[in-house]
Amino acid sequence: EYYDDYSNYGWVNSVKRENTTDIVFPDLHTGDAIFYNYTVRHGVAPVDSGTRYSMAFFFDMDNPAVQENDDEGYLVENEFEAELHNVLPDIELDVMLVYDAAQKKEAWEMLFNKVTPDERIIYHAYEGDLLSALRAGTDEVVASDIEMKRDQSLYTIPLIEPISSEL
């Protein structure tokens, strides 16, 4: 039987302790250990008697797919932080990813909504990503072809041409 909700222990007592295609119960005994990487969904059943001791090792942290960044959590390989600063007075911006350098294709993906004047946001970028800034809630391009470069950490969002105050 397949269980959709593993978020609590309610289903554990109804499961036979035998391996299935969906659930694996390793045959562990006192003093045994099990190692797995971060991609394995895992959990433990409540202790019926005695005391459970656990020791956690984060052995997979040198995996190039997961590089630790103390300031913002995790960055993946070749990703870097870029700070975007809306220097436009009285204009909220939507920031779009136009070209995704990691995927090597056009993206047209909304990254940030309603970036307020003087707001600074952190974008996890790849070298060559292209961003555009639009007036929030519209398709009016305010700044285009903002190219992400690893050796540049701060990007101010300038006007590409004067915006009419009538809008």
N, C-alpha and C. Protein backbone atom coordinates (compact mmCIF):
# COMPACT_ATOMS: atom_id res chain seq x y z
N GLU A 1 0.85 -1.18 0.00
CA GLU A 1 0.00 0.00 0.00
C GLU A 1 0.89 1.24 0.00
N TYR A 2 0.55 2.23 -0.82
CA TYR A 2 1.33 3.47 -0.94
C TYR A 2 0.75 4.53 -0.01
N TYR A 3 1.62 5.23 0.71
CA TYR A 3 1.18 6.26 1.64
C TYR A 3 1.57 7.63 1.11
N ASP A 4 0.60 8.53 1.01
CA ASP A 4 0.84 9.87 0.49
C ASP A 4 1.39 10.82 1.54
N ASP A 5 1.13 10.53 2.82
CA ASP A 5 1.51 11.48 3.85
C ASP A 5 2.49 10.85 4.83
N TYR A 6 3.77 11.18 4.69
CA TYR A 6 4.78 10.70 5.62
C TYR A 6 5.16 11.79 6.62
N SER A 7 4.36 12.83 6.73
CA SER A 7 4.73 13.96 7.57
C SER A 7 4.46 13.73 9.05
N ASN A 8 3.80 12.63 9.41
CA ASN A 8 3.59 12.31 10.82
C ASN A 8 3.73 10.81 11.01
N TYR A 9 3.66 10.35 12.25
CA TYR A 9 3.88 8.94 12.54
C TYR A 9 2.60 8.10 12.51
N GLY A 10 1.46 8.70 12.20
CA GLY A 10 0.20 7.98 12.24
C GLY A 10 0.20 6.71 11.40
N TRP A 11 0.86 6.69 10.28
CA TRP A 11 0.87 5.55 9.38
C TRP A 11 1.90 4.49 9.76
N VAL A 12 2.90 4.85 10.60
CA VAL A 12 4.02 3.95 10.88
C VAL A 12 3.58 2.63 11.51
N ASN A 13 2.70 2.71 12.48
CA ASN A 13 2.29 1.49 13.19
C ASN A 13 1.51 0.53 12.31
N SER A 14 0.93 1.02 11.21
CA SER A 14 0.16 0.13 10.34
C SER A 14 1.02 -0.54 9.27
N VAL A 15 2.30 -0.17 9.21
CA VAL A 15 3.20 -0.72 8.18
C VAL A 15 3.98 -1.89 8.75
N LYS A 16 4.04 -2.97 8.00
CA LYS A 16 4.87 -4.10 8.40
C LYS A 16 6.33 -3.70 8.21
N ARG A 17 7.16 -4.13 9.12
CA ARG A 17 8.59 -3.78 9.04
C ARG A 17 9.29 -4.69 8.03
N GLU A 18 8.95 -4.52 6.77
CA GLU A 18 9.60 -5.26 5.69
C GLU A 18 9.79 -4.32 4.52
N ASN A 19 10.79 -4.58 3.73
CA ASN A 19 11.10 -3.70 2.61
C ASN A 19 10.05 -3.80 1.52
N THR A 20 9.70 -2.65 0.99
CA THR A 20 8.77 -2.57 -0.13
C THR A 20 9.44 -1.69 -1.18
N THR A 21 8.79 -1.48 -2.30
CA THR A 21 9.37 -0.59 -3.30
C THR A 21 9.30 0.86 -2.85
N ASP A 22 8.40 1.17 -1.90
CA ASP A 22 8.22 2.55 -1.45
C ASP A 22 8.97 2.86 -0.17
N ILE A 23 9.05 1.89 0.73
CA ILE A 23 9.64 2.11 2.04
C ILE A 23 10.71 1.05 2.29
N VAL A 24 11.86 1.47 2.78
CA VAL A 24 12.93 0.54 3.12
C VAL A 24 13.18 0.62 4.62
N PHE A 25 13.17 -0.52 5.27
CA PHE A 25 13.51 -0.63 6.68
C PHE A 25 14.83 -1.38 6.78
N PRO A 26 15.95 -0.68 6.91
CA PRO A 26 17.23 -1.38 7.02
C PRO A 26 17.25 -2.25 8.27
N ASP A 27 17.92 -3.37 8.20
CA ASP A 27 18.02 -4.29 9.33
C ASP A 27 19.14 -3.80 10.24
N LEU A 28 18.81 -2.88 11.13
CA LEU A 28 19.80 -2.28 12.02
C LEU A 28 19.67 -2.85 13.42
N HIS A 29 20.81 -2.98 14.08
CA HIS A 29 20.85 -3.50 15.45
C HIS A 29 21.63 -2.52 16.32
N THR A 30 21.60 -2.72 17.60
CA THR A 30 22.31 -1.85 18.53
C THR A 30 23.75 -1.65 18.08
N GLY A 31 24.15 -0.39 17.97
CA GLY A 31 25.51 -0.06 17.58
C GLY A 31 25.69 0.12 16.08
N ASP A 32 24.69 -0.22 15.28
CA ASP A 32 24.79 -0.07 13.83
C ASP A 32 24.64 1.40 13.43
N ALA A 33 25.13 1.72 12.26
CA ALA A 33 25.01 3.07 11.72
C ALA A 33 24.57 2.96 10.27
N ILE A 34 23.96 4.03 9.79
CA ILE A 34 23.57 4.10 8.39
C ILE A 34 23.98 5.46 7.85
N PHE A 35 24.49 5.47 6.63
CA PHE A 35 24.90 6.72 5.99
C PHE A 35 24.12 6.89 4.70
N TYR A 36 23.73 8.10 4.41
CA TYR A 36 23.03 8.42 3.17
C TYR A 36 23.28 9.89 2.89
N ASN A 37 23.07 10.30 1.64
CA ASN A 37 23.30 11.71 1.33
C ASN A 37 21.99 12.49 1.40
N TYR A 38 22.09 13.77 1.13
CA TYR A 38 20.96 14.68 1.31
C TYR A 38 19.78 14.40 0.36
N THR A 39 19.95 13.57 -0.62
CA THR A 39 18.86 13.32 -1.57
C THR A 39 17.89 12.25 -1.09
N VAL A 40 18.21 11.56 -0.01
CA VAL A 40 17.38 10.46 0.47
C VAL A 40 16.37 10.96 1.50
N ARG A 41 15.09 10.78 1.19
CA ARG A 41 14.05 11.09 2.20
C ARG A 41 14.17 10.03 3.28
N HIS A 42 14.13 10.46 4.52
CA HIS A 42 14.35 9.52 5.60
C HIS A 42 13.58 9.94 6.84
N GLY A 43 13.50 9.05 7.77
CA GLY A 43 12.84 9.32 9.03
C GLY A 43 13.05 8.15 9.96
N VAL A 44 12.54 8.26 11.16
CA VAL A 44 12.64 7.19 12.15
C VAL A 44 11.27 6.99 12.79
N ALA A 45 11.04 5.77 13.23
CA ALA A 45 9.81 5.46 13.95
C ALA A 45 10.03 5.79 15.42
N PRO A 46 8.96 6.03 16.16
CA PRO A 46 9.11 6.30 17.60
C PRO A 46 9.79 5.12 18.30
N VAL A 47 10.53 5.43 19.37
CA VAL A 47 11.20 4.40 20.16
C VAL A 47 10.16 3.70 21.03
N ASP A 48 10.11 2.36 20.96
CA ASP A 48 9.18 1.60 21.80
C ASP A 48 9.69 1.50 23.23
N SER A 49 10.99 1.31 23.39
CA SER A 49 11.58 1.25 24.73
C SER A 49 13.06 1.59 24.62
N GLY A 50 13.64 2.04 25.71
CA GLY A 50 15.05 2.39 25.72
C GLY A 50 15.29 3.80 25.23
N THR A 51 16.52 4.08 24.84
CA THR A 51 16.93 5.41 24.41
C THR A 51 17.57 5.33 23.04
N ARG A 52 17.19 6.22 22.15
CA ARG A 52 17.83 6.29 20.84
C ARG A 52 18.86 7.40 20.88
N TYR A 53 20.07 7.11 20.43
CA TYR A 53 21.12 8.11 20.29
C TYR A 53 21.38 8.28 18.80
N SER A 54 21.63 9.49 18.39
CA SER A 54 21.95 9.70 16.98
C SER A 54 23.14 10.65 16.89
N MET A 55 23.90 10.47 15.83
CA MET A 55 25.05 11.32 15.57
C MET A 55 24.97 11.71 14.10
N ALA A 56 24.86 12.99 13.83
CA ALA A 56 24.70 13.45 12.45
C ALA A 56 26.05 13.88 11.87
N PHE A 57 26.34 13.41 10.68
CA PHE A 57 27.52 13.83 9.92
C PHE A 57 27.03 14.41 8.61
N PHE A 58 27.52 15.56 8.24
CA PHE A 58 27.16 16.15 6.97
C PHE A 58 28.33 15.93 6.00
N PHE A 59 28.45 14.70 5.56
CA PHE A 59 29.59 14.30 4.75
C PHE A 59 29.49 14.73 3.31
N ASP A 60 28.35 15.13 2.85
CA ASP A 60 28.15 15.42 1.44
C ASP A 60 28.31 16.90 1.11
N MET A 61 28.77 17.70 2.03
CA MET A 61 28.79 19.14 1.85
C MET A 61 29.81 19.61 0.80
N ASP A 62 30.75 18.75 0.41
CA ASP A 62 31.69 19.14 -0.65
C ASP A 62 31.17 18.79 -2.03
N ASN A 63 29.96 18.27 -2.08
CA ASN A 63 29.33 17.95 -3.35
C ASN A 63 29.27 19.23 -4.17
N PRO A 64 29.75 19.24 -5.41
CA PRO A 64 29.74 20.48 -6.19
C PRO A 64 28.33 21.02 -6.44
N ALA A 65 27.32 20.19 -6.28
CA ALA A 65 25.95 20.67 -6.47
C ALA A 65 25.46 21.48 -5.28
N VAL A 66 26.15 21.39 -4.14
CA VAL A 66 25.74 22.12 -2.95
C VAL A 66 26.98 22.72 -2.30
N GLN A 67 27.13 24.03 -2.45
CA GLN A 67 28.25 24.71 -1.82
C GLN A 67 27.69 25.63 -0.75
N GLU A 68 28.22 25.52 0.46
CA GLU A 68 27.69 26.32 1.55
C GLU A 68 28.07 27.78 1.39
N ASN A 69 27.14 28.64 1.69
CA ASN A 69 27.36 30.08 1.71
C ASN A 69 26.81 30.56 3.04
N ASP A 70 27.68 31.03 3.94
CA ASP A 70 27.26 31.37 5.29
C ASP A 70 26.24 32.50 5.35
N ASP A 71 26.21 33.37 4.34
CA ASP A 71 25.31 34.52 4.40
C ASP A 71 23.90 34.20 3.93
N GLU A 72 23.75 33.45 2.87
CA GLU A 72 22.44 33.29 2.25
C GLU A 72 22.00 31.84 2.09
N GLY A 73 22.56 30.91 2.85
CA GLY A 73 22.13 29.53 2.72
C GLY A 73 23.03 28.79 1.77
N TYR A 74 22.48 28.31 0.68
CA TYR A 74 23.27 27.48 -0.22
C TYR A 74 23.28 28.03 -1.64
N LEU A 75 24.42 27.90 -2.28
CA LEU A 75 24.56 28.23 -3.68
C LEU A 75 24.95 26.96 -4.40
N VAL A 76 24.49 26.79 -5.62
CA VAL A 76 24.90 25.64 -6.39
C VAL A 76 26.15 26.00 -7.19
N GLU A 77 26.76 25.00 -7.79
CA GLU A 77 28.02 25.20 -8.51
C GLU A 77 27.89 26.31 -9.55
N ASN A 78 28.88 27.19 -9.61
CA ASN A 78 28.99 28.31 -10.54
C ASN A 78 28.00 29.44 -10.28
N GLU A 79 27.22 29.35 -9.25
CA GLU A 79 26.26 30.40 -8.91
C GLU A 79 26.96 31.42 -8.00
N PHE A 80 26.57 32.68 -8.10
CA PHE A 80 27.12 33.71 -7.23
C PHE A 80 26.02 34.70 -6.89
N GLU A 81 26.25 35.49 -5.86
CA GLU A 81 25.27 36.47 -5.43
C GLU A 81 25.50 37.81 -6.13
N ALA A 82 24.42 38.39 -6.60
CA ALA A 82 24.46 39.72 -7.19
C ALA A 82 23.41 40.56 -6.47
N GLU A 83 23.79 41.75 -6.08
CA GLU A 83 22.86 42.65 -5.41
C GLU A 83 22.29 43.61 -6.44
N LEU A 84 20.97 43.67 -6.51
CA LEU A 84 20.29 44.59 -7.42
C LEU A 84 19.70 45.72 -6.60
N HIS A 85 19.93 46.95 -7.03
CA HIS A 85 19.48 48.13 -6.28
C HIS A 85 18.59 48.98 -7.17
N ASN A 86 17.34 49.16 -6.76
CA ASN A 86 16.41 50.02 -7.48
C ASN A 86 16.68 51.46 -7.08
N VAL A 87 17.35 52.21 -7.95
CA VAL A 87 17.68 53.61 -7.66
C VAL A 87 16.66 54.56 -8.28
N LEU A 88 15.61 54.02 -8.86
CA LEU A 88 14.61 54.87 -9.51
C LEU A 88 13.62 55.40 -8.49
N PRO A 89 13.50 56.72 -8.41
CA PRO A 89 12.56 57.29 -7.43
C PRO A 89 11.12 57.05 -7.85
N ASP A 90 10.31 56.65 -6.90
CA ASP A 90 8.86 56.52 -7.09
C ASP A 90 8.46 55.47 -8.13
N ILE A 91 9.33 54.52 -8.44
CA ILE A 91 8.97 53.48 -9.41
C ILE A 91 9.23 52.11 -8.80
N GLU A 92 8.17 51.32 -8.66
CA GLU A 92 8.33 49.93 -8.24
C GLU A 92 8.64 49.10 -9.48
N LEU A 93 9.48 48.10 -9.32
CA LEU A 93 9.93 47.31 -10.46
C LEU A 93 9.62 45.83 -10.28
N ASP A 94 9.37 45.17 -11.40
CA ASP A 94 9.37 43.71 -11.47
C ASP A 94 10.66 43.35 -12.20
N VAL A 95 11.38 42.37 -11.69
CA VAL A 95 12.63 41.95 -12.31
C VAL A 95 12.44 40.57 -12.92
N MET A 96 12.78 40.47 -14.21
CA MET A 96 12.59 39.23 -14.96
C MET A 96 13.94 38.66 -15.40
N LEU A 97 14.04 37.34 -15.37
CA LEU A 97 15.17 36.64 -15.97
C LEU A 97 14.81 36.42 -17.43
N VAL A 98 15.56 37.05 -18.32
CA VAL A 98 15.28 36.98 -19.76
C VAL A 98 16.04 35.82 -20.39
N TYR A 99 17.32 35.67 -19.99
CA TYR A 99 18.14 34.58 -20.51
C TYR A 99 18.78 33.85 -19.34
N ASP A 100 18.57 32.55 -19.25
CA ASP A 100 19.10 31.71 -18.19
C ASP A 100 20.39 31.08 -18.69
N ALA A 101 21.53 31.59 -18.20
CA ALA A 101 22.83 31.11 -18.68
C ALA A 101 23.09 29.67 -18.27
N ALA A 102 22.60 29.25 -17.11
CA ALA A 102 22.82 27.87 -16.66
C ALA A 102 22.12 26.88 -17.59
N GLN A 103 20.92 27.24 -18.03
CA GLN A 103 20.15 26.37 -18.92
C GLN A 103 20.43 26.65 -20.40
N LYS A 104 21.15 27.74 -20.66
CA LYS A 104 21.48 28.17 -22.02
C LYS A 104 20.23 28.35 -22.89
N LYS A 105 19.25 29.07 -22.33
CA LYS A 105 18.02 29.31 -23.09
C LYS A 105 17.29 30.53 -22.55
N GLU A 106 16.40 31.08 -23.41
CA GLU A 106 15.54 32.18 -22.97
C GLU A 106 14.64 31.67 -21.87
N ALA A 107 14.36 32.54 -20.90
CA ALA A 107 13.58 32.10 -19.74
C ALA A 107 12.28 32.86 -19.57
N TRP A 108 12.31 34.17 -19.61
CA TRP A 108 11.15 35.02 -19.35
C TRP A 108 10.45 34.60 -18.06
N GLU A 109 11.25 34.57 -16.98
CA GLU A 109 10.76 34.13 -15.67
C GLU A 109 10.78 35.31 -14.70
N MET A 110 9.67 35.51 -13.99
CA MET A 110 9.59 36.57 -12.99
C MET A 110 10.46 36.18 -11.79
N LEU A 111 11.41 37.04 -11.42
CA LEU A 111 12.27 36.79 -10.27
C LEU A 111 11.79 37.53 -9.03
N PHE A 112 11.49 38.81 -9.19
CA PHE A 112 11.10 39.64 -8.06
C PHE A 112 9.94 40.54 -8.47
N ASN A 113 8.94 40.65 -7.61
CA ASN A 113 7.78 41.51 -7.84
C ASN A 113 7.86 42.74 -6.95
N LYS A 114 7.48 43.88 -7.50
CA LYS A 114 7.33 45.12 -6.75
C LYS A 114 8.53 45.48 -5.90
N VAL A 115 9.69 45.59 -6.55
CA VAL A 115 10.90 46.04 -5.87
C VAL A 115 10.74 47.55 -5.67
N THR A 116 10.70 47.98 -4.45
CA THR A 116 10.40 49.38 -4.14
C THR A 116 11.63 50.28 -4.37
N PRO A 117 11.39 51.60 -4.52
CA PRO A 117 12.52 52.52 -4.68
C PRO A 117 13.52 52.37 -3.53
N ASP A 118 14.78 52.35 -3.86
CA ASP A 118 15.91 52.21 -2.95
C ASP A 118 16.01 50.81 -2.30
N GLU A 119 15.17 49.88 -2.71
CA GLU A 119 15.26 48.52 -2.18
C GLU A 119 16.42 47.78 -2.84
N ARG A 120 17.10 46.97 -2.05
CA ARG A 120 18.19 46.13 -2.54
C ARG A 120 17.76 44.67 -2.39
N ILE A 121 17.97 43.90 -3.44
CA ILE A 121 17.60 42.48 -3.42
C ILE A 121 18.81 41.65 -3.83
N ILE A 122 18.86 40.43 -3.35
CA ILE A 122 19.95 39.52 -3.68
C ILE A 122 19.43 38.50 -4.69
N TYR A 123 20.16 38.38 -5.78
CA TYR A 123 19.82 37.41 -6.83
C TYR A 123 20.96 36.40 -6.93
N HIS A 124 20.63 35.13 -6.92
CA HIS A 124 21.63 34.07 -7.12
C HIS A 124 21.78 33.89 -8.62
N ALA A 125 22.90 34.38 -9.14
CA ALA A 125 23.10 34.52 -10.58
C ALA A 125 24.10 33.52 -11.12
N TYR A 126 24.06 33.38 -12.43
CA TYR A 126 25.08 32.67 -13.19
C TYR A 126 25.70 33.67 -14.16
N GLU A 127 26.98 33.50 -14.40
CA GLU A 127 27.67 34.35 -15.37
C GLU A 127 26.90 34.31 -16.69
N GLY A 128 26.51 35.49 -17.19
CA GLY A 128 25.80 35.56 -18.47
C GLY A 128 24.29 35.63 -18.37
N ASP A 129 23.71 35.45 -17.17
CA ASP A 129 22.26 35.65 -17.03
C ASP A 129 21.93 37.06 -17.50
N LEU A 130 20.79 37.22 -18.17
CA LEU A 130 20.32 38.55 -18.57
C LEU A 130 19.00 38.84 -17.86
N LEU A 131 18.93 40.01 -17.25
CA LEU A 131 17.73 40.44 -16.55
C LEU A 131 17.15 41.68 -17.22
N SER A 132 15.86 41.86 -17.03
CA SER A 132 15.20 43.10 -17.42
C SER A 132 14.36 43.57 -16.24
N ALA A 133 14.23 44.89 -16.13
CA ALA A 133 13.39 45.48 -15.10
C ALA A 133 12.20 46.14 -15.78
N LEU A 134 11.01 45.86 -15.28
CA LEU A 134 9.79 46.42 -15.83
C LEU A 134 9.09 47.22 -14.76
N ARG A 135 8.34 48.23 -15.19
CA ARG A 135 7.49 48.95 -14.23
C ARG A 135 6.53 47.90 -13.66
N ALA A 136 6.46 47.83 -12.34
CA ALA A 136 5.68 46.79 -11.66
C ALA A 136 4.26 46.70 -12.21
N GLY A 137 3.85 45.48 -12.50
CA GLY A 137 2.49 45.22 -12.96
C GLY A 137 2.24 45.55 -14.42
N THR A 138 3.28 45.93 -15.17
CA THR A 138 3.11 46.29 -16.58
C THR A 138 4.14 45.51 -17.42
N ASP A 139 4.10 45.72 -18.74
CA ASP A 139 5.13 45.16 -19.60
C ASP A 139 6.07 46.26 -20.11
N GLU A 140 6.05 47.42 -19.44
CA GLU A 140 6.90 48.54 -19.81
C GLU A 140 8.33 48.31 -19.31
N VAL A 141 9.26 48.14 -20.23
CA VAL A 141 10.65 47.88 -19.88
C VAL A 141 11.31 49.18 -19.41
N VAL A 142 11.88 49.13 -18.23
CA VAL A 142 12.58 50.28 -17.65
C VAL A 142 14.08 50.12 -17.85
N ALA A 143 14.59 48.91 -17.72
CA ALA A 143 16.01 48.63 -17.95
C ALA A 143 16.10 47.23 -18.53
N SER A 144 16.93 47.08 -19.56
CA SER A 144 17.05 45.77 -20.21
C SER A 144 18.51 45.36 -20.33
N ASP A 145 18.72 44.11 -20.67
CA ASP A 145 20.06 43.56 -20.88
C ASP A 145 21.00 43.82 -19.71
N ILE A 146 20.51 43.59 -18.51
CA ILE A 146 21.35 43.68 -17.33
C ILE A 146 22.07 42.34 -17.23
N GLU A 147 23.35 42.34 -17.65
CA GLU A 147 24.10 41.08 -17.73
C GLU A 147 24.84 40.82 -16.43
N MET A 148 24.66 39.61 -15.89
CA MET A 148 25.31 39.22 -14.65
C MET A 148 26.75 38.79 -14.94
N LYS A 149 27.67 39.36 -14.15
CA LYS A 149 29.09 39.04 -14.28
C LYS A 149 29.64 38.74 -12.90
N ARG A 150 30.38 37.66 -12.80
CA ARG A 150 30.90 37.21 -11.50
C ARG A 150 31.74 38.28 -10.81
N ASP A 151 32.46 39.09 -11.56
CA ASP A 151 33.34 40.09 -10.95
C ASP A 151 32.62 41.40 -10.59
N GLN A 152 31.31 41.42 -10.73
CA GLN A 152 30.52 42.59 -10.35
C GLN A 152 29.45 42.14 -9.37
N SER A 153 29.42 42.72 -8.19
CA SER A 153 28.47 42.26 -7.18
C SER A 153 27.28 43.20 -6.99
N LEU A 154 27.38 44.46 -7.42
CA LEU A 154 26.29 45.41 -7.25
C LEU A 154 25.82 45.93 -8.61
N TYR A 155 24.52 45.89 -8.83
CA TYR A 155 23.92 46.39 -10.06
C TYR A 155 22.86 47.40 -9.68
N THR A 156 23.03 48.64 -10.15
CA THR A 156 21.97 49.63 -9.96
C THR A 156 21.09 49.57 -11.20
N ILE A 157 19.81 49.68 -10.99
CA ILE A 157 18.87 49.58 -12.10
C ILE A 157 18.58 50.98 -12.60
N PRO A 158 19.18 51.34 -13.75
CA PRO A 158 19.01 52.68 -14.31
C PRO A 158 17.88 52.72 -15.32
N LEU A 159 17.52 53.91 -15.71
CA LEU A 159 16.55 54.07 -16.80
C LEU A 159 17.22 53.88 -18.14
N ILE A 160 16.52 53.26 -19.09
CA ILE A 160 17.07 53.20 -20.44
C ILE A 160 16.63 54.41 -21.24
N GLU A 161 15.52 55.02 -20.82
CA GLU A 161 15.06 56.27 -21.42
C GLU A 161 14.09 56.90 -20.43
N PRO A 162 13.91 58.19 -20.49
CA PRO A 162 13.00 58.84 -19.54
C PRO A 162 11.59 58.26 -19.61
N ILE A 163 11.01 58.10 -18.44
CA ILE A 163 9.64 57.60 -18.36
C ILE A 163 8.71 58.78 -18.14
N SER A 164 7.64 58.80 -18.88
CA SER A 164 6.68 59.88 -18.77
C SER A 164 6.02 59.84 -17.40
N SER A 165 5.85 60.97 -16.77
CA SER A 165 5.22 61.03 -15.47
C SER A 165 3.70 60.86 -15.57
N GLU A 166 3.18 60.79 -16.79
CA GLU A 166 1.74 60.62 -16.98
C GLU A 166 1.28 59.19 -16.76
N LEU A 167 2.21 58.23 -16.73
CA LEU A 167 1.83 56.81 -16.61
C LEU A 167 1.44 56.45 -15.22
